[in-house]
Amino acid sequence: MFDVPGFNPSSFTDDDLMKKQMNLNQKLVWANRFGSMEACNQINAMISAIESERRERILKLVFKERGKLFPSIIETDPDLSNENRMNTEEKEKTAVNTRKVNRDRMITRTSSPVLDKHDKSGE
């Protein structure tokens, strides 16, 4: 990305990158005061290369940690897991006897009527 001959920030450790960037910032201050613009541009390119390398390393660490938090396969149906896998016959049986009323309630057919506690005809 940055063409700085003889300077490869990917070969440095994280601590070396921090130290090198601090040293280059000090040199940049002196180059801005007493040096030429070519020296300033070269030092700025080296600082940019170091910042880019540090950013890339941080993003790799974040990606690695997020990979541990989230599984690579996300199941949308909880019945698909190996422990809770039902065969198709059992699914068909439960689907026939159960009807969805609302999002939260299910009604299941029974052989005998269920009496409501407010219903006086069952007493």
Protein backbone atom coordinates (compact mmCIF):
# COMPACT_ATOMS: atom_id res chain seq x y z
CA MET A 1 0.00 0.00 0.00
CA PHE A 2 2.80 2.39 0.95
CA ASP A 3 5.97 2.27 -1.08
CA VAL A 4 8.77 2.92 1.37
CA PRO A 5 11.95 1.17 0.23
CA GLY A 6 13.60 -0.97 2.89
CA PHE A 7 10.80 -0.43 5.42
CA ASN A 8 8.48 -3.32 6.21
CA PRO A 9 6.26 -2.74 9.28
CA SER A 10 4.80 -6.26 9.12
CA SER A 11 8.12 -7.65 10.39
CA PHE A 12 7.92 -5.64 13.65
CA THR A 13 6.25 -6.73 16.86
CA ASP A 14 3.43 -4.65 18.36
CA ASP A 15 5.76 -2.99 20.88
CA ASP A 16 8.33 -2.23 18.20
CA LEU A 17 5.64 -0.61 16.07
CA MET A 18 4.64 1.68 18.92
CA LYS A 19 8.24 2.67 19.64
CA LYS A 20 9.02 3.20 15.96
CA GLN A 21 5.93 5.37 15.51
CA MET A 22 6.88 7.53 18.52
CA ASN A 23 10.42 7.95 17.19
CA LEU A 24 9.14 8.86 13.74
CA ASN A 25 6.74 11.41 15.21
CA GLN A 26 9.66 13.08 17.00
CA LYS A 27 11.68 13.08 13.78
CA LEU A 28 8.71 14.53 11.91
CA VAL A 29 8.57 17.47 14.29
CA TRP A 30 12.26 18.17 13.70
CA ALA A 31 11.91 17.66 9.95
CA ASN A 32 9.01 20.13 9.83
CA ARG A 33 11.11 22.74 11.64
CA PHE A 34 14.49 22.31 10.04
CA GLY A 35 14.29 19.75 7.22
CA SER A 36 12.99 19.55 3.70
CA MET A 37 9.51 18.63 2.53
CA GLU A 38 10.83 15.43 0.97
CA ALA A 39 11.98 14.21 4.38
CA CYS A 40 8.60 15.14 5.89
CA ASN A 41 6.76 13.26 3.15
CA GLN A 42 8.96 10.18 3.62
CA ILE A 43 8.44 10.16 7.39
CA ASN A 44 4.67 10.66 6.93
CA ALA A 45 4.59 7.68 4.55
CA MET A 46 6.39 5.54 7.13
CA ILE A 47 4.00 6.64 9.91
CA SER A 48 1.02 5.87 7.66
CA ALA A 49 2.44 2.41 6.90
CA ILE A 50 2.83 1.72 10.64
CA GLU A 51 -0.72 2.90 11.39
CA SER A 52 -2.08 0.77 8.58
CA GLU A 53 -0.23 -2.29 9.89
CA ARG A 54 -1.46 -1.71 13.44
CA ARG A 55 -5.05 -1.25 12.19
CA GLU A 56 -4.84 -4.46 10.18
CA ARG A 57 -3.57 -6.42 13.19
CA ILE A 58 -6.34 -5.07 15.40
CA LEU A 59 -8.99 -5.95 12.82
CA LYS A 60 -7.61 -9.48 12.56
CA LEU A 61 -7.82 -9.87 16.34
CA VAL A 62 -11.38 -8.51 16.41
CA PHE A 63 -12.41 -10.85 13.60
CA LYS A 64 -10.84 -13.79 15.41
CA GLU A 65 -12.63 -12.97 18.70
CA ARG A 66 -15.98 -12.43 16.97
CA GLY A 67 -15.57 -15.78 15.27
CA LYS A 68 -15.38 -17.38 18.70
CA LEU A 69 -18.57 -15.64 19.85
CA PHE A 70 -20.76 -16.44 16.87
CA PRO A 71 -21.08 -19.90 15.37
CA SER A 72 -20.36 -20.37 11.71
CA ILE A 73 -23.76 -22.04 11.20
CA ILE A 74 -26.85 -20.32 12.50
CA GLU A 75 -29.89 -22.56 12.73
CA THR A 76 -33.24 -20.88 12.34
CA ASP A 77 -35.23 -23.95 13.38
CA PRO A 78 -34.37 -25.32 16.84
CA ASP A 79 -35.67 -28.76 15.80
CA LEU A 80 -32.73 -29.10 13.42
CA SER A 81 -30.18 -29.66 16.17
CA ASN A 82 -28.96 -33.22 16.61
CA GLU A 83 -30.31 -33.60 20.15
CA ASN A 84 -33.85 -32.46 19.31
CA ARG A 85 -34.18 -33.89 15.82
CA MET A 86 -37.65 -35.34 15.21
CA ASN A 87 -38.45 -37.63 12.35
CA THR A 88 -41.07 -36.59 9.82
CA GLU A 89 -43.78 -38.93 11.15
CA GLU A 90 -43.68 -37.36 14.62
CA LYS A 91 -43.80 -33.89 13.11
CA GLU A 92 -46.86 -34.83 11.05
CA LYS A 93 -48.63 -36.26 14.11
CA THR A 94 -48.07 -33.14 16.17
CA ALA A 95 -49.03 -30.89 13.28
CA VAL A 96 -52.37 -32.68 12.85
CA ASN A 97 -53.30 -32.44 16.54
CA THR A 98 -52.14 -28.89 17.09
CA ARG A 99 -53.47 -25.66 15.62
CA LYS A 100 -51.94 -22.25 16.09
CA VAL A 101 -54.36 -19.70 17.53
CA ASN A 102 -52.11 -16.73 18.17
CA ARG A 103 -48.41 -16.25 18.08
CA ASP A 104 -48.09 -17.47 21.68
CA ARG A 105 -51.00 -19.90 22.11
CA MET A 106 -51.54 -23.37 20.68
CA ILE A 107 -54.71 -25.46 20.81
CA THR A 108 -54.40 -29.24 20.95
CA ARG A 109 -57.24 -31.63 20.16
CA THR A 110 -58.22 -34.03 22.93
CA SER A 111 -60.60 -37.00 23.08
CA SER A 112 -62.77 -35.49 25.84
CA PRO A 113 -64.06 -31.93 26.08
CA VAL A 114 -62.29 -29.58 28.44
CA LEU A 115 -64.71 -27.69 30.67
CA ASP A 116 -64.12 -24.14 31.58
CA LYS A 117 -64.28 -23.35 35.29
CA HIS A 118 -66.94 -20.72 34.54
CA ASP A 119 -69.06 -23.23 32.59
CA LYS A 120 -71.96 -24.32 34.84
CA SER A 121 -73.15 -27.17 32.57
CA GLY A 122 -70.26 -29.44 33.64
CA GLU A 123 -71.10 -29.34 37.36
